[in-house]
Amino acid sequence: MDIMTQLASWQIRPPLIEHPPLFTCDEADRLLLDRPGTRLKNLFLRDNYGRRHALLLTPPSKQVDLKALSIQLGWSRLGFASTDRLQRYLGVAPGHVSVLALVNDTEQAVELWLDNDLREADDFHCHPLRNTATVLLSKIDLLHFTEHTGHPPQWIDVPQR
């Protein structure tokens, strides 16, 4: 079942905006797309041993201090997960990551972390498992989605470099 059909089955019907492929926030900036809502940077992380994984959603301008975040959360040295891990756990390729990829993590092996800087935001920009479109997911729908996938979000203060 495609992600938009899955969302509709949960009474989530976000607007869909088609666009050229976007692999990074910088590419979106260069395209000068005028879209309402809150842009996100999606970081798929793993601990030093590769036993724990997390998807961090943060504002695109934030330069995350992974060392400080590791200490803060009590994880062994955080780093970016490999392309293989991204495919294995979230079922997407680099540049296609968003909170919606958690639909593929049926074993709830990935934790969801939301930056407290997003707490007042709404209408989050999310790739629908492909980087040629963006859906605008309201905060209520985001929480509804994470409830259905079994990924309760953890709101955290994300340190900057």
C-alpha atoms as a PDB file:
ATOM      1  CA  MET A   1       0.000   0.000   0.000  1.00  0.00           C
ATOM      2  CA  ASP A   2       1.413   3.398  -0.884  1.00  0.00           C
ATOM      3  CA  ILE A   3       1.986   5.901   1.937  1.00  0.00           C
ATOM      4  CA  MET A   4      -0.747   8.315   0.831  1.00  0.00           C
ATOM      5  CA  THR A   5      -3.293   5.471   0.847  1.00  0.00           C
ATOM      6  CA  GLN A   6      -2.006   4.358   4.251  1.00  0.00           C
ATOM      7  CA  LEU A   7      -2.385   7.884   5.630  1.00  0.00           C
ATOM      8  CA  ALA A   8      -5.913   8.163   4.240  1.00  0.00           C
ATOM      9  CA  SER A   9      -6.833   4.879   5.949  1.00  0.00           C
ATOM     10  CA  TRP A  10      -5.897   6.587   9.240  1.00  0.00           C
ATOM     11  CA  GLN A  11      -8.004   9.664   8.393  1.00  0.00           C
ATOM     12  CA  ILE A  12      -4.869  11.694   7.599  1.00  0.00           C
ATOM     13  CA  ARG A  13      -5.186  13.539   4.287  1.00  0.00           C
ATOM     14  CA  PRO A  14      -2.334  16.036   3.982  1.00  0.00           C
ATOM     15  CA  PRO A  15      -1.860  18.231   0.917  1.00  0.00           C
ATOM     16  CA  LEU A  16       0.697  16.889  -1.566  1.00  0.00           C
ATOM     17  CA  ILE A  17       3.105  19.193  -3.432  1.00  0.00           C
ATOM     18  CA  GLU A  18       4.985  17.697  -6.407  1.00  0.00           C
ATOM     19  CA  HIS A  19       8.455  19.086  -7.243  1.00  0.00           C
ATOM     20  CA  PRO A  20      11.801  18.084  -8.791  1.00  0.00           C
ATOM     21  CA  PRO A  21      13.915  15.648  -6.721  1.00  0.00           C
ATOM     22  CA  LEU A  22      15.363  17.258  -3.581  1.00  0.00           C
ATOM     23  CA  PHE A  23      18.098  15.400  -1.701  1.00  0.00           C
ATOM     24  CA  THR A  24      19.033  18.092   0.839  1.00  0.00           C
ATOM     25  CA  CYS A  25      17.658  21.211   2.506  1.00  0.00           C
ATOM     26  CA  ASP A  26      20.196  23.242   0.512  1.00  0.00           C
ATOM     27  CA  GLU A  27      18.731  21.942  -2.758  1.00  0.00           C
ATOM     28  CA  ALA A  28      15.277  23.014  -1.615  1.00  0.00           C
ATOM     29  CA  ASP A  29      16.673  26.475  -0.852  1.00  0.00           C
ATOM     30  CA  ARG A  30      18.191  26.768  -4.327  1.00  0.00           C
ATOM     31  CA  LEU A  31      14.899  25.754  -5.952  1.00  0.00           C
ATOM     32  CA  LEU A  32      13.175  28.609  -4.079  1.00  0.00           C
ATOM     33  CA  LEU A  33       9.987  26.657  -3.554  1.00  0.00           C
ATOM     34  CA  ASP A  34       7.371  28.756  -1.821  1.00  0.00           C
ATOM     35  CA  ARG A  35       5.603  26.314   0.460  1.00  0.00           C
ATOM     36  CA  PRO A  36       3.727  27.118   3.645  1.00  0.00           C
ATOM     37  CA  GLY A  37       4.590  25.318   6.839  1.00  0.00           C
ATOM     38  CA  THR A  38       7.735  24.152   8.616  1.00  0.00           C
ATOM     39  CA  ARG A  39      10.718  22.718   6.811  1.00  0.00           C
ATOM     40  CA  LEU A  40      12.598  19.927   8.564  1.00  0.00           C
ATOM     41  CA  LYS A  41      16.028  18.379   8.593  1.00  0.00           C
ATOM     42  CA  ASN A  42      15.741  14.610   9.084  1.00  0.00           C
ATOM     43  CA  LEU A  43      18.798  12.883  10.562  1.00  0.00           C
ATOM     44  CA  PHE A  44      18.896   9.086  10.792  1.00  0.00           C
ATOM     45  CA  LEU A  45      21.315   8.265  13.595  1.00  0.00           C
ATOM     46  CA  ARG A  46      22.813   5.194  15.242  1.00  0.00           C
ATOM     47  CA  ASP A  47      24.791   4.591  18.386  1.00  0.00           C
ATOM     48  CA  ASN A  48      28.458   3.589  18.302  1.00  0.00           C
ATOM     49  CA  TYR A  49      27.597  -0.114  18.403  1.00  0.00           C
ATOM     50  CA  GLY A  50      24.814   0.028  15.803  1.00  0.00           C
ATOM     51  CA  ARG A  51      22.321  -1.408  18.297  1.00  0.00           C
ATOM     52  CA  ARG A  52      20.118   1.659  18.666  1.00  0.00           C
ATOM     53  CA  HIS A  53      18.715   3.937  15.981  1.00  0.00           C
ATOM     54  CA  ALA A  54      16.861   7.242  16.034  1.00  0.00           C
ATOM     55  CA  LEU A  55      15.272   9.619  13.573  1.00  0.00           C
ATOM     56  CA  LEU A  56      15.851  13.224  14.640  1.00  0.00           C
ATOM     57  CA  LEU A  57      13.650  16.009  13.242  1.00  0.00           C
ATOM     58  CA  THR A  58      15.125  19.479  13.689  1.00  0.00           C
ATOM     59  CA  PRO A  59      15.006  22.867  11.965  1.00  0.00           C
ATOM     60  CA  PRO A  60      17.114  22.828   8.769  1.00  0.00           C
ATOM     61  CA  SER A  61      19.367  25.662   9.940  1.00  0.00           C
ATOM     62  CA  LYS A  62      20.470  23.887  13.122  1.00  0.00           C
ATOM     63  CA  GLN A  63      23.973  22.427  13.194  1.00  0.00           C
ATOM     64  CA  VAL A  64      23.496  19.544  15.630  1.00  0.00           C
ATOM     65  CA  ASP A  65      26.265  18.733  18.103  1.00  0.00           C
ATOM     66  CA  LEU A  66      26.103  14.929  18.026  1.00  0.00           C
ATOM     67  CA  LYS A  67      28.743  14.520  20.735  1.00  0.00           C
ATOM     68  CA  ALA A  68      26.799  16.705  23.174  1.00  0.00           C
ATOM     69  CA  LEU A  69      23.528  15.008  22.194  1.00  0.00           C
ATOM     70  CA  SER A  70      25.072  11.569  22.853  1.00  0.00           C
ATOM     71  CA  ILE A  71      26.103  12.644  26.340  1.00  0.00           C
ATOM     72  CA  GLN A  72      22.751  14.323  27.017  1.00  0.00           C
ATOM     73  CA  LEU A  73      20.753  11.206  26.059  1.00  0.00           C
ATOM     74  CA  GLY A  74      23.174   8.632  27.446  1.00  0.00           C
ATOM     75  CA  TRP A  75      23.852   6.976  24.096  1.00  0.00           C
ATOM     76  CA  SER A  76      27.311   5.770  23.107  1.00  0.00           C
ATOM     77  CA  ARG A  77      28.769   8.093  20.468  1.00  0.00           C
ATOM     78  CA  LEU A  78      26.032   9.069  17.990  1.00  0.00           C
ATOM     79  CA  GLY A  79      26.776   9.045  14.281  1.00  0.00           C
ATOM     80  CA  PHE A  80      24.951   8.985  10.988  1.00  0.00           C
ATOM     81  CA  ALA A  81      23.563   5.591  10.019  1.00  0.00           C
ATOM     82  CA  SER A  82      24.782   4.005   6.796  1.00  0.00           C
ATOM     83  CA  THR A  83      22.800   3.766   3.579  1.00  0.00           C
ATOM     84  CA  ASP A  84      22.339   0.036   4.285  1.00  0.00           C
ATOM     85  CA  ARG A  85      20.870   0.742   7.731  1.00  0.00           C
ATOM     86  CA  LEU A  86      18.626   3.429   6.278  1.00  0.00           C
ATOM     87  CA  GLN A  87      17.233   0.911   3.802  1.00  0.00           C
ATOM     88  CA  ARG A  88      16.967  -1.884   6.382  1.00  0.00           C
ATOM     89  CA  TYR A  89      15.176   0.120   9.079  1.00  0.00           C
ATOM     90  CA  LEU A  90      13.264   2.832   7.183  1.00  0.00           C
ATOM     91  CA  GLY A  91      13.016   1.353   3.688  1.00  0.00           C
ATOM     92  CA  VAL A  92      14.228   4.504   1.918  1.00  0.00           C
ATOM     93  CA  ALA A  93      17.363   5.804   0.218  1.00  0.00           C
ATOM     94  CA  PRO A  94      19.345   8.879   1.292  1.00  0.00           C
ATOM     95  CA  GLY A  95      17.482  12.065   0.409  1.00  0.00           C
ATOM     96  CA  HIS A  96      14.088  10.402   0.848  1.00  0.00           C
ATOM     97  CA  VAL A  97      14.029  10.348   4.661  1.00  0.00           C
ATOM     98  CA  SER A  98      11.121  11.786   6.618  1.00  0.00           C
ATOM     99  CA  VAL A  99       9.018  10.838   9.601  1.00  0.00           C
ATOM    100  CA  LEU A 100       6.710   9.024   7.168  1.00  0.00           C
ATOM    101  CA  ALA A 101       9.426   6.381   6.618  1.00  0.00           C
ATOM    102  CA  LEU A 102       8.663   5.110  10.135  1.00  0.00           C
ATOM    103  CA  VAL A 103       5.731   3.277   8.532  1.00  0.00           C
ATOM    104  CA  ASN A 104       8.381   0.788   7.327  1.00  0.00           C
ATOM    105  CA  ASP A 105       9.808   0.240  10.828  1.00  0.00           C
ATOM    106  CA  THR A 106       7.236  -2.371  11.838  1.00  0.00           C
ATOM    107  CA  GLU A 107       9.440  -3.673  14.668  1.00  0.00           C
ATOM    108  CA  GLN A 108       9.743  -0.197  16.278  1.00  0.00           C
ATOM    109  CA  ALA A 109      13.549  -0.410  16.196  1.00  0.00           C
ATOM    110  CA  VAL A 110      13.881   3.347  15.559  1.00  0.00           C
ATOM    111  CA  GLU A 111      13.213   6.018  18.170  1.00  0.00           C
ATOM    112  CA  LEU A 112      11.690   9.316  17.097  1.00  0.00           C
ATOM    113  CA  TRP A 113      13.237  12.505  18.488  1.00  0.00           C
ATOM    114  CA  LEU A 114      11.659  15.901  17.875  1.00  0.00           C
ATOM    115  CA  ASP A 115      13.656  19.047  18.548  1.00  0.00           C
ATOM    116  CA  ASN A 116      11.954  21.265  21.147  1.00  0.00           C
ATOM    117  CA  ASP A 117      12.561  24.149  18.720  1.00  0.00           C
ATOM    118  CA  LEU A 118       9.722  22.615  16.648  1.00  0.00           C
ATOM    119  CA  ARG A 119       7.234  22.454  19.521  1.00  0.00           C
ATOM    120  CA  GLU A 120       5.298  25.557  18.380  1.00  0.00           C
ATOM    121  CA  ALA A 121       5.559  24.699  14.677  1.00  0.00           C
ATOM    122  CA  ASP A 122       2.887  23.169  12.451  1.00  0.00           C
ATOM    123  CA  ASP A 123       2.392  21.859   8.924  1.00  0.00           C
ATOM    124  CA  PHE A 124       5.633  19.901   8.799  1.00  0.00           C
ATOM    125  CA  HIS A 125       7.230  19.238   5.401  1.00  0.00           C
ATOM    126  CA  CYS A 126       7.636  15.478   4.903  1.00  0.00           C
ATOM    127  CA  HIS A 127       8.703  13.416   1.893  1.00  0.00           C
ATOM    128  CA  PRO A 128       6.087  10.709   1.190  1.00  0.00           C
ATOM    129  CA  LEU A 129       8.885   8.085   0.865  1.00  0.00           C
ATOM    130  CA  ARG A 130      10.120   9.824  -2.289  1.00  0.00           C
ATOM    131  CA  ASN A 131      11.944  13.108  -2.711  1.00  0.00           C
ATOM    132  CA  THR A 132       9.849  14.326  -5.628  1.00  0.00           C
ATOM    133  CA  ALA A 133       6.991  15.456  -3.427  1.00  0.00           C
ATOM    134  CA  THR A 134       6.279  17.010  -0.051  1.00  0.00           C
ATOM    135  CA  VAL A 135       3.257  16.560   2.168  1.00  0.00           C
ATOM    136  CA  LEU A 136       2.289  19.109   4.814  1.00  0.00           C
ATOM    137  CA  LEU A 137       1.565  17.158   7.980  1.00  0.00           C
ATOM    138  CA  SER A 138      -0.118  19.077  10.792  1.00  0.00           C
ATOM    139  CA  LYS A 139       1.233  18.516  14.298  1.00  0.00           C
ATOM    140  CA  ILE A 140      -1.995  16.707  15.198  1.00  0.00           C
ATOM    141  CA  ASP A 141      -1.665  14.452  12.144  1.00  0.00           C
ATOM    142  CA  LEU A 142       2.020  13.866  12.909  1.00  0.00           C
ATOM    143  CA  LEU A 143       1.125  12.669  16.405  1.00  0.00           C
ATOM    144  CA  HIS A 144      -1.747  10.598  15.008  1.00  0.00           C
ATOM    145  CA  PHE A 145       0.656   8.992  12.492  1.00  0.00           C
ATOM    146  CA  THR A 146       3.276   8.178  15.127  1.00  0.00           C
ATOM    147  CA  GLU A 147       0.592   6.630  17.322  1.00  0.00           C
ATOM    148  CA  HIS A 148      -0.410   4.308  14.464  1.00  0.00           C
ATOM    149  CA  THR A 149       3.184   3.282  13.732  1.00  0.00           C
ATOM    150  CA  GLY A 150       4.117   2.765  17.387  1.00  0.00           C
ATOM    151  CA  HIS A 151       6.757   5.526  17.461  1.00  0.00           C
ATOM    152  CA  PRO A 152       5.876   7.897  20.311  1.00  0.00           C
ATOM    153  CA  PRO A 153       7.964  11.038  19.835  1.00  0.00           C
ATOM    154  CA  GLN A 154      10.438  12.163  22.447  1.00  0.00           C
ATOM    155  CA  TRP A 155      10.728  15.963  22.570  1.00  0.00           C
ATOM    156  CA  ILE A 156      14.328  16.907  23.317  1.00  0.00           C
ATOM    157  CA  ASP A 157      16.568  19.962  23.555  1.00  0.00           C
ATOM    158  CA  VAL A 158      18.994  19.497  20.660  1.00  0.00           C
ATOM    159  CA  PRO A 159      22.406  21.079  21.270  1.00  0.00           C
ATOM    160  CA  GLN A 160      24.053  23.118  18.520  1.00  0.00           C
ATOM    161  CA  ARG A 161      27.667  23.257  17.467  1.00  0.00           C
END
